[in-house]
Full PDB file with SEQRES, HELIX, SHEET, SSBOND, CRYST1, ORIGX, SCALE, CONECT and MASTER records, all heavy atoms in Angstrom:
SEQRES   1 A   32  LEU LEU THR PHE PRO ARG ARG LEU GLY GLY CYS THR LEU          
SEQRES   2 A   32  GLU GLY PHE GLU ASN ASN ARG LYS VAL VAL LEU ASP ALA          
SEQRES   3 A   32  THR GLY ARG THR LEU SER                                      
HELIX    1 AA1 ARG A    6  LEU A    8  5                                   3    
HELIX    2 AA2 ALA A   26  LEU A   31  1                                   6    
CRYST1    1.000    1.000    1.000  90.00  90.00  90.00 P 1           1          
ORIGX1      1.000000  0.000000  0.000000        0.00000                         
ORIGX2      0.000000  1.000000  0.000000        0.00000                         
ORIGX3      0.000000  0.000000  1.000000        0.00000                         
SCALE1      1.000000  0.000000  0.000000        0.00000                         
SCALE2      0.000000  1.000000  0.000000        0.00000                         
SCALE3      0.000000  0.000000  1.000000        0.00000                         
ATOM      1  N   LEU A   1       8.606 -11.578  -5.339  1.00  0.00           N  
ATOM      2  CA  LEU A   1       7.270 -11.788  -5.595  1.00  0.00           C  
ATOM      3  C   LEU A   1       6.450 -10.510  -5.683  1.00  0.00           C  
ATOM      4  O   LEU A   1       5.621 -10.485  -6.663  1.00  0.00           O  
ATOM      5  CB  LEU A   1       6.693 -12.542  -4.485  1.00  0.00           C  
ATOM      6  CG  LEU A   1       7.054 -14.128  -4.374  1.00  0.00           C  
ATOM      7  CD1 LEU A   1       6.786 -14.680  -2.944  1.00  0.00           C  
ATOM      8  CD2 LEU A   1       6.574 -14.999  -5.492  1.00  0.00           C  
ATOM      9  N   LEU A   2       6.820  -9.526  -5.075  1.00  0.00           N  
ATOM     10  CA  LEU A   2       6.132  -8.201  -5.135  1.00  0.00           C  
ATOM     11  C   LEU A   2       6.495  -7.381  -6.241  1.00  0.00           C  
ATOM     12  O   LEU A   2       5.556  -6.537  -6.934  1.00  0.00           O  
ATOM     13  CB  LEU A   2       6.268  -7.500  -3.757  1.00  0.00           C  
ATOM     14  CG  LEU A   2       5.520  -8.119  -2.564  1.00  0.00           C  
ATOM     15  CD1 LEU A   2       5.794  -7.352  -1.374  1.00  0.00           C  
ATOM     16  CD2 LEU A   2       4.144  -8.278  -2.653  1.00  0.00           C  
ATOM     17  N   THR A   3       7.834  -7.372  -6.649  1.00  0.00           N  
ATOM     18  CA  THR A   3       8.289  -6.412  -7.561  1.00  0.00           C  
ATOM     19  C   THR A   3       8.666  -6.884  -9.035  1.00  0.00           C  
ATOM     20  O   THR A   3       8.851  -6.109  -9.865  1.00  0.00           O  
ATOM     21  CB  THR A   3       9.443  -5.676  -6.984  1.00  0.00           C  
ATOM     22  OG1 THR A   3      10.608  -6.520  -6.857  1.00  0.00           O  
ATOM     23  CG2 THR A   3       9.204  -5.134  -5.677  1.00  0.00           C  
ATOM     24  N   PHE A   4       8.907  -8.280  -9.114  1.00  0.00           N  
ATOM     25  CA  PHE A   4       9.231  -8.777 -10.445  1.00  0.00           C  
ATOM     26  C   PHE A   4       8.168  -8.445 -11.466  1.00  0.00           C  
ATOM     27  O   PHE A   4       6.885  -8.264 -11.147  1.00  0.00           O  
ATOM     28  CB  PHE A   4       9.519 -10.250 -10.346  1.00  0.00           C  
ATOM     29  CG  PHE A   4      10.876 -10.582 -10.066  1.00  0.00           C  
ATOM     30  CD1 PHE A   4      11.756  -9.718  -9.390  1.00  0.00           C  
ATOM     31  CD2 PHE A   4      11.396 -11.910 -10.374  1.00  0.00           C  
ATOM     32  CE1 PHE A   4      13.062 -10.162  -8.996  1.00  0.00           C  
ATOM     33  CE2 PHE A   4      12.703 -12.301 -10.032  1.00  0.00           C  
ATOM     34  CZ  PHE A   4      13.549 -11.510  -9.459  1.00  0.00           C  
ATOM     35  N   PRO A   5       8.614  -8.279 -12.703  1.00  0.00           N  
ATOM     36  CA  PRO A   5       7.550  -7.910 -13.715  1.00  0.00           C  
ATOM     37  C   PRO A   5       6.583  -9.170 -13.931  1.00  0.00           C  
ATOM     38  O   PRO A   5       6.881 -10.267 -13.625  1.00  0.00           O  
ATOM     39  CB  PRO A   5       8.463  -7.672 -15.012  1.00  0.00           C  
ATOM     40  CG  PRO A   5       9.684  -8.455 -14.715  1.00  0.00           C  
ATOM     41  CD  PRO A   5      10.004  -8.320 -13.289  1.00  0.00           C  
ATOM     42  N   ARG A   6       5.539  -8.798 -14.577  1.00  0.00           N  
ATOM     43  CA  ARG A   6       4.370  -9.757 -14.894  1.00  0.00           C  
ATOM     44  C   ARG A   6       4.876 -10.922 -15.651  1.00  0.00           C  
ATOM     45  O   ARG A   6       4.572 -12.094 -15.340  1.00  0.00           O  
ATOM     46  CB  ARG A   6       3.285  -8.978 -15.655  1.00  0.00           C  
ATOM     47  CG  ARG A   6       2.269 -10.005 -16.146  1.00  0.00           C  
ATOM     48  CD  ARG A   6       1.247  -9.231 -17.170  1.00  0.00           C  
ATOM     49  NE  ARG A   6       0.324 -10.090 -17.688  1.00  0.00           N  
ATOM     50  CZ  ARG A   6      -0.841 -10.438 -17.161  1.00  0.00           C  
ATOM     51  NH1 ARG A   6      -1.218  -9.707 -16.158  1.00  0.00           N  
ATOM     52  NH2 ARG A   6      -1.734 -11.174 -17.788  1.00  0.00           N  
ATOM     53  N   ARG A   7       5.854 -10.674 -16.583  1.00  0.00           N  
ATOM     54  CA  ARG A   7       6.272 -11.770 -17.551  1.00  0.00           C  
ATOM     55  C   ARG A   7       7.058 -12.818 -16.705  1.00  0.00           C  
ATOM     56  O   ARG A   7       7.222 -13.996 -17.094  1.00  0.00           O  
ATOM     57  CB  ARG A   7       7.112 -11.263 -18.577  1.00  0.00           C  
ATOM     58  CG  ARG A   7       8.498 -10.550 -18.233  1.00  0.00           C  
ATOM     59  CD  ARG A   7       9.242  -9.982 -19.286  1.00  0.00           C  
ATOM     60  NE  ARG A   7      10.292  -9.144 -18.928  1.00  0.00           N  
ATOM     61  CZ  ARG A   7      11.544  -9.767 -18.477  1.00  0.00           C  
ATOM     62  NH1 ARG A   7      11.674 -10.931 -18.713  1.00  0.00           N  
ATOM     63  NH2 ARG A   7      12.438  -8.845 -17.937  1.00  0.00           N  
ATOM     64  N   LEU A   8       7.598 -12.396 -15.464  1.00  0.00           N  
ATOM     65  CA  LEU A   8       8.402 -13.373 -14.694  1.00  0.00           C  
ATOM     66  C   LEU A   8       7.544 -13.861 -13.505  1.00  0.00           C  
ATOM     67  O   LEU A   8       8.043 -14.543 -12.644  1.00  0.00           O  
ATOM     68  CB  LEU A   8       9.623 -12.671 -14.225  1.00  0.00           C  
ATOM     69  CG  LEU A   8      10.833 -12.445 -15.274  1.00  0.00           C  
ATOM     70  CD1 LEU A   8      11.900 -11.808 -14.685  1.00  0.00           C  
ATOM     71  CD2 LEU A   8      11.126 -13.839 -15.955  1.00  0.00           C  
ATOM     72  N   GLY A   9       6.161 -13.433 -13.488  1.00  0.00           N  
ATOM     73  CA  GLY A   9       5.325 -13.884 -12.446  1.00  0.00           C  
ATOM     74  C   GLY A   9       5.290 -13.137 -11.256  1.00  0.00           C  
ATOM     75  O   GLY A   9       4.710 -13.428 -10.201  1.00  0.00           O  
ATOM     76  N   GLY A  10       5.880 -11.880 -11.186  1.00  0.00           N  
ATOM     77  CA  GLY A  10       5.837 -10.963 -10.008  1.00  0.00           C  
ATOM     78  C   GLY A  10       4.575 -10.178 -10.129  1.00  0.00           C  
ATOM     79  O   GLY A  10       3.799 -10.073 -11.137  1.00  0.00           O  
ATOM     80  N   CYS A  11       4.356  -9.382  -9.000  1.00  0.00           N  
ATOM     81  CA  CYS A  11       3.163  -8.428  -8.992  1.00  0.00           C  
ATOM     82  C   CYS A  11       3.413  -7.154  -9.598  1.00  0.00           C  
ATOM     83  O   CYS A  11       2.369  -6.335  -9.738  1.00  0.00           O  
ATOM     84  CB  CYS A  11       2.807  -8.229  -7.452  1.00  0.00           C  
ATOM     85  SG  CYS A  11       2.247  -9.737  -6.572  1.00  0.00           S  
ATOM     86  N   THR A  12       4.548  -6.800  -9.982  1.00  0.00           N  
ATOM     87  CA  THR A  12       4.831  -5.561 -10.753  1.00  0.00           C  
ATOM     88  C   THR A  12       4.544  -4.310  -9.909  1.00  0.00           C  
ATOM     89  O   THR A  12       4.133  -3.343 -10.337  1.00  0.00           O  
ATOM     90  CB  THR A  12       4.111  -5.510 -12.107  1.00  0.00           C  
ATOM     91  OG1 THR A  12       3.987  -6.808 -12.675  1.00  0.00           O  
ATOM     92  CG2 THR A  12       4.763  -4.564 -13.139  1.00  0.00           C  
ATOM     93  N   LEU A  13       4.776  -4.444  -8.600  1.00  0.00           N  
ATOM     94  CA  LEU A  13       4.562  -3.312  -7.786  1.00  0.00           C  
ATOM     95  C   LEU A  13       5.812  -2.475  -7.648  1.00  0.00           C  
ATOM     96  O   LEU A  13       6.784  -2.757  -7.091  1.00  0.00           O  
ATOM     97  CB  LEU A  13       4.115  -3.875  -6.358  1.00  0.00           C  
ATOM     98  CG  LEU A  13       2.877  -4.521  -6.261  1.00  0.00           C  
ATOM     99  CD1 LEU A  13       2.633  -5.033  -4.836  1.00  0.00           C  
ATOM    100  CD2 LEU A  13       1.624  -3.816  -6.883  1.00  0.00           C  
ATOM    101  N   GLU A  14       5.721  -1.292  -8.280  1.00  0.00           N  
ATOM    102  CA  GLU A  14       6.838  -0.320  -8.398  1.00  0.00           C  
ATOM    103  C   GLU A  14       6.825   0.535  -7.122  1.00  0.00           C  
ATOM    104  O   GLU A  14       5.789   0.770  -6.469  1.00  0.00           O  
ATOM    105  CB  GLU A  14       6.853   0.395  -9.541  1.00  0.00           C  
ATOM    106  CG  GLU A  14       6.874  -0.264 -10.882  1.00  0.00           C  
ATOM    107  CD  GLU A  14       6.823   0.522 -12.059  1.00  0.00           C  
ATOM    108  OE1 GLU A  14       6.430   1.720 -11.973  1.00  0.00           O  
ATOM    109  OE2 GLU A  14       7.071   0.030 -13.260  1.00  0.00           O  
ATOM    110  N   GLY A  15       8.102   0.999  -6.849  1.00  0.00           N  
ATOM    111  CA  GLY A  15       8.155   1.988  -5.760  1.00  0.00           C  
ATOM    112  C   GLY A  15       8.691   1.491  -4.365  1.00  0.00           C  
ATOM    113  O   GLY A  15       8.903   2.323  -3.570  1.00  0.00           O  
ATOM    114  N   PHE A  16       8.851   0.212  -4.280  1.00  0.00           N  
ATOM    115  CA  PHE A  16       9.266  -0.363  -3.060  1.00  0.00           C  
ATOM    116  C   PHE A  16      10.890  -0.183  -2.892  1.00  0.00           C  
ATOM    117  O   PHE A  16      11.637  -0.182  -3.855  1.00  0.00           O  
ATOM    118  CB  PHE A  16       9.184  -1.940  -2.922  1.00  0.00           C  
ATOM    119  CG  PHE A  16       7.842  -2.262  -2.436  1.00  0.00           C  
ATOM    120  CD1 PHE A  16       6.700  -2.617  -3.172  1.00  0.00           C  
ATOM    121  CD2 PHE A  16       7.564  -2.097  -1.127  1.00  0.00           C  
ATOM    122  CE1 PHE A  16       5.491  -2.908  -2.707  1.00  0.00           C  
ATOM    123  CE2 PHE A  16       6.251  -2.442  -0.426  1.00  0.00           C  
ATOM    124  CZ  PHE A  16       5.261  -2.853  -1.321  1.00  0.00           C  
ATOM    125  N   GLU A  17      11.215  -0.009  -1.676  1.00  0.00           N  
ATOM    126  CA  GLU A  17      12.603   0.171  -1.351  1.00  0.00           C  
ATOM    127  C   GLU A  17      13.093  -0.651  -0.293  1.00  0.00           C  
ATOM    128  O   GLU A  17      12.459  -0.708   0.764  1.00  0.00           O  
ATOM    129  CB  GLU A  17      12.956   1.588  -1.021  1.00  0.00           C  
ATOM    130  CG  GLU A  17      14.414   1.825  -0.726  1.00  0.00           C  
ATOM    131  CD  GLU A  17      14.756   3.384  -0.292  1.00  0.00           C  
ATOM    132  OE1 GLU A  17      13.717   4.218  -0.510  1.00  0.00           O  
ATOM    133  OE2 GLU A  17      15.709   3.679   0.224  1.00  0.00           O  
ATOM    134  N   ASN A  18      14.154  -1.562  -0.457  1.00  0.00           N  
ATOM    135  CA  ASN A  18      14.492  -2.416   0.497  1.00  0.00           C  
ATOM    136  C   ASN A  18      15.471  -1.650   1.611  1.00  0.00           C  
ATOM    137  O   ASN A  18      16.189  -0.775   1.290  1.00  0.00           O  
ATOM    138  CB  ASN A  18      15.407  -3.529  -0.100  1.00  0.00           C  
ATOM    139  CG  ASN A  18      14.526  -4.552  -0.808  1.00  0.00           C  
ATOM    140  OD1 ASN A  18      14.518  -4.561  -2.043  1.00  0.00           O  
ATOM    141  ND2 ASN A  18      13.889  -5.400  -0.160  1.00  0.00           N  
ATOM    142  N   ASN A  19      15.465  -2.120   2.856  1.00  0.00           N  
ATOM    143  CA  ASN A  19      16.339  -1.661   3.888  1.00  0.00           C  
ATOM    144  C   ASN A  19      16.239  -0.229   3.909  1.00  0.00           C  
ATOM    145  O   ASN A  19      17.336   0.488   4.146  1.00  0.00           O  
ATOM    146  CB  ASN A  19      17.713  -2.171   3.463  1.00  0.00           C  
ATOM    147  CG  ASN A  19      18.726  -2.157   4.744  1.00  0.00           C  
ATOM    148  OD1 ASN A  19      18.416  -2.284   5.863  1.00  0.00           O  
ATOM    149  ND2 ASN A  19      19.964  -1.821   4.398  1.00  0.00           N  
ATOM    150  N   ARG A  20      15.086   0.473   3.860  1.00  0.00           N  
ATOM    151  CA  ARG A  20      14.994   1.900   3.964  1.00  0.00           C  
ATOM    152  C   ARG A  20      15.118   2.378   5.360  1.00  0.00           C  
ATOM    153  O   ARG A  20      14.428   1.905   6.327  1.00  0.00           O  
ATOM    154  CB  ARG A  20      13.546   2.160   3.446  1.00  0.00           C  
ATOM    155  CG  ARG A  20      13.082   3.629   3.800  1.00  0.00           C  
ATOM    156  CD  ARG A  20      13.910   4.750   2.978  1.00  0.00           C  
ATOM    157  NE  ARG A  20      13.331   6.041   3.239  1.00  0.00           N  
ATOM    158  CZ  ARG A  20      12.356   6.658   2.510  1.00  0.00           C  
ATOM    159  NH1 ARG A  20      11.883   6.026   1.392  1.00  0.00           N  
ATOM    160  NH2 ARG A  20      11.924   7.848   2.857  1.00  0.00           N  
ATOM    161  N   LYS A  21      16.023   3.268   5.548  1.00  0.00           N  
ATOM    162  CA  LYS A  21      16.178   3.953   6.887  1.00  0.00           C  
ATOM    163  C   LYS A  21      15.030   4.973   7.206  1.00  0.00           C  
ATOM    164  O   LYS A  21      14.778   5.823   6.290  1.00  0.00           O  
ATOM    165  CB  LYS A  21      17.580   4.644   6.837  1.00  0.00           C  
ATOM    166  CG  LYS A  21      17.816   5.302   8.337  1.00  0.00           C  
ATOM    167  CD  LYS A  21      19.273   5.855   8.363  1.00  0.00           C  
ATOM    168  CE  LYS A  21      19.591   6.460   9.714  1.00  0.00           C  
ATOM    169  NZ  LYS A  21      20.932   7.046   9.748  1.00  0.00           N  
ATOM    170  N   VAL A  22      14.373   4.839   8.281  1.00  0.00           N  
ATOM    171  CA  VAL A  22      13.403   5.786   8.635  1.00  0.00           C  
ATOM    172  C   VAL A  22      13.893   6.483   9.856  1.00  0.00           C  
ATOM    173  O   VAL A  22      14.061   5.901  10.940  1.00  0.00           O  
ATOM    174  CB  VAL A  22      11.967   4.942   8.931  1.00  0.00           C  
ATOM    175  CG1 VAL A  22      10.968   6.046   9.334  1.00  0.00           C  
ATOM    176  CG2 VAL A  22      11.478   4.474   7.566  1.00  0.00           C  
ATOM    177  N   VAL A  23      13.910   7.835   9.675  1.00  0.00           N  
ATOM    178  CA  VAL A  23      14.383   8.659  10.963  1.00  0.00           C  
ATOM    179  C   VAL A  23      13.105   8.927  11.738  1.00  0.00           C  
ATOM    180  O   VAL A  23      12.136   9.508  11.176  1.00  0.00           O  
ATOM    181  CB  VAL A  23      15.020   9.964  10.493  1.00  0.00           C  
ATOM    182  CG1 VAL A  23      15.405  10.829  11.673  1.00  0.00           C  
ATOM    183  CG2 VAL A  23      16.296   9.634   9.711  1.00  0.00           C  
ATOM    184  N   LEU A  24      13.111   8.548  12.941  1.00  0.00           N  
ATOM    185  CA  LEU A  24      11.889   8.551  13.733  1.00  0.00           C  
ATOM    186  C   LEU A  24      11.684   9.931  14.248  1.00  0.00           C  
ATOM    187  O   LEU A  24      12.592  10.696  14.549  1.00  0.00           O  
ATOM    188  CB  LEU A  24      11.940   7.610  15.025  1.00  0.00           C  
ATOM    189  CG  LEU A  24      12.220   6.169  14.632  1.00  0.00           C  
ATOM    190  CD1 LEU A  24      12.359   5.329  15.856  1.00  0.00           C  
ATOM    191  CD2 LEU A  24      11.006   5.619  13.728  1.00  0.00           C  
ATOM    192  N   ASP A  25      10.370  10.337  14.399  1.00  0.00           N  
ATOM    193  CA  ASP A  25      10.053  11.706  14.865  1.00  0.00           C  
ATOM    194  C   ASP A  25      10.058  11.559  16.265  1.00  0.00           C  
ATOM    195  O   ASP A  25      10.269  10.603  16.904  1.00  0.00           O  
ATOM    196  CB  ASP A  25       8.690  12.130  14.235  1.00  0.00           C  
ATOM    197  CG  ASP A  25       7.521  11.222  14.618  1.00  0.00           C  
ATOM    198  OD1 ASP A  25       7.655  10.414  15.463  1.00  0.00           O  
ATOM    199  OD2 ASP A  25       6.437  11.381  13.995  1.00  0.00           O  
ATOM    200  N   ALA A  26       9.471  12.623  16.914  1.00  0.00           N  
ATOM    201  CA  ALA A  26       9.667  12.670  18.491  1.00  0.00           C  
ATOM    202  C   ALA A  26       8.753  11.514  19.053  1.00  0.00           C  
ATOM    203  O   ALA A  26       9.080  10.902  20.126  1.00  0.00           O  
ATOM    204  CB  ALA A  26       9.087  13.988  18.981  1.00  0.00           C  
ATOM    205  N   THR A  27       7.534  11.261  18.412  1.00  0.00           N  
ATOM    206  CA  THR A  27       6.580  10.219  18.842  1.00  0.00           C  
ATOM    207  C   THR A  27       7.351   8.823  18.781  1.00  0.00           C  
ATOM    208  O   THR A  27       7.439   8.071  19.625  1.00  0.00           O  
ATOM    209  CB  THR A  27       5.456  10.120  18.061  1.00  0.00           C  
ATOM    210  OG1 THR A  27       4.693  11.456  18.259  1.00  0.00           O  
ATOM    211  CG2 THR A  27       4.445   9.021  18.574  1.00  0.00           C  
ATOM    212  N   GLY A  28       7.862   8.746  17.668  1.00  0.00           N  
ATOM    213  CA  GLY A  28       8.794   7.437  17.407  1.00  0.00           C  
ATOM    214  C   GLY A  28       9.753   7.121  18.239  1.00  0.00           C  
ATOM    215  O   GLY A  28      10.105   6.002  18.877  1.00  0.00           O  
ATOM    216  N   ARG A  29      10.532   8.269  18.592  1.00  0.00           N  
ATOM    217  CA  ARG A  29      11.697   8.099  19.402  1.00  0.00           C  
ATOM    218  C   ARG A  29      11.251   7.793  20.908  1.00  0.00           C  
ATOM    219  O   ARG A  29      11.892   7.122  21.606  1.00  0.00           O  
ATOM    220  CB  ARG A  29      12.512   9.537  19.449  1.00  0.00           C  
ATOM    221  CG  ARG A  29      13.281   9.645  18.078  1.00  0.00           C  
ATOM    222  CD  ARG A  29      14.438  10.792  18.330  1.00  0.00           C  
ATOM    223  NE  ARG A  29      13.747  12.129  18.582  1.00  0.00           N  
ATOM    224  CZ  ARG A  29      13.426  12.901  17.718  1.00  0.00           C  
ATOM    225  NH1 ARG A  29      13.330  12.542  16.456  1.00  0.00           N  
ATOM    226  NH2 ARG A  29      12.848  14.080  18.097  1.00  0.00           N  
ATOM    227  N   THR A  30      10.147   8.502  21.262  1.00  0.00           N  
ATOM    228  CA  THR A  30       9.626   8.197  22.668  1.00  0.00           C  
ATOM    229  C   THR A  30       9.100   6.590  22.842  1.00  0.00           C  
ATOM    230  O   THR A  30       9.446   6.029  23.812  1.00  0.00           O  
ATOM    231  CB  THR A  30       8.330   9.143  22.862  1.00  0.00           C  
ATOM    232  OG1 THR A  30       8.844  10.515  22.814  1.00  0.00           O  
ATOM    233  CG2 THR A  30       7.803   8.867  24.247  1.00  0.00           C  
ATOM    234  N   LEU A  31       8.445   6.105  21.768  1.00  0.00           N  
ATOM    235  CA  LEU A  31       7.969   4.894  21.817  1.00  0.00           C  
ATOM    236  C   LEU A  31       9.014   3.784  21.756  1.00  0.00           C  
ATOM    237  O   LEU A  31       8.877   2.630  22.303  1.00  0.00           O  
ATOM    238  CB  LEU A  31       6.967   4.656  20.692  1.00  0.00           C  
ATOM    239  CG  LEU A  31       5.649   5.429  20.745  1.00  0.00           C  
ATOM    240  CD1 LEU A  31       4.907   5.355  19.459  1.00  0.00           C  
ATOM    241  CD2 LEU A  31       4.891   4.900  21.968  1.00  0.00           C  
ATOM    242  N   SER A  32      10.159   4.054  21.021  1.00  0.00           N  
ATOM    243  CA  SER A  32      11.076   3.038  20.884  1.00  0.00           C  
ATOM    244  C   SER A  32      12.520   3.332  21.467  1.00  0.00           C  
ATOM    245  O   SER A  32      13.356   2.377  21.674  1.00  0.00           O  
ATOM    246  CB  SER A  32      11.417   2.977  19.395  1.00  0.00           C  
ATOM    247  OG  SER A  32      12.122   4.112  18.912  1.00  0.00           O  
TER     248      SER A  32                                                      
MASTER        0    0    0    2    0    0    0    6  247    1    0    3          
END                                                                             
């Protein structure tokens, strides 16, 4: 829905990445 092209009914939002690994910083590591 978010990334398909307009002709197929999508929002054409480029730049999204699925299942992206985010390495947490010190704050994130403390919180989680």
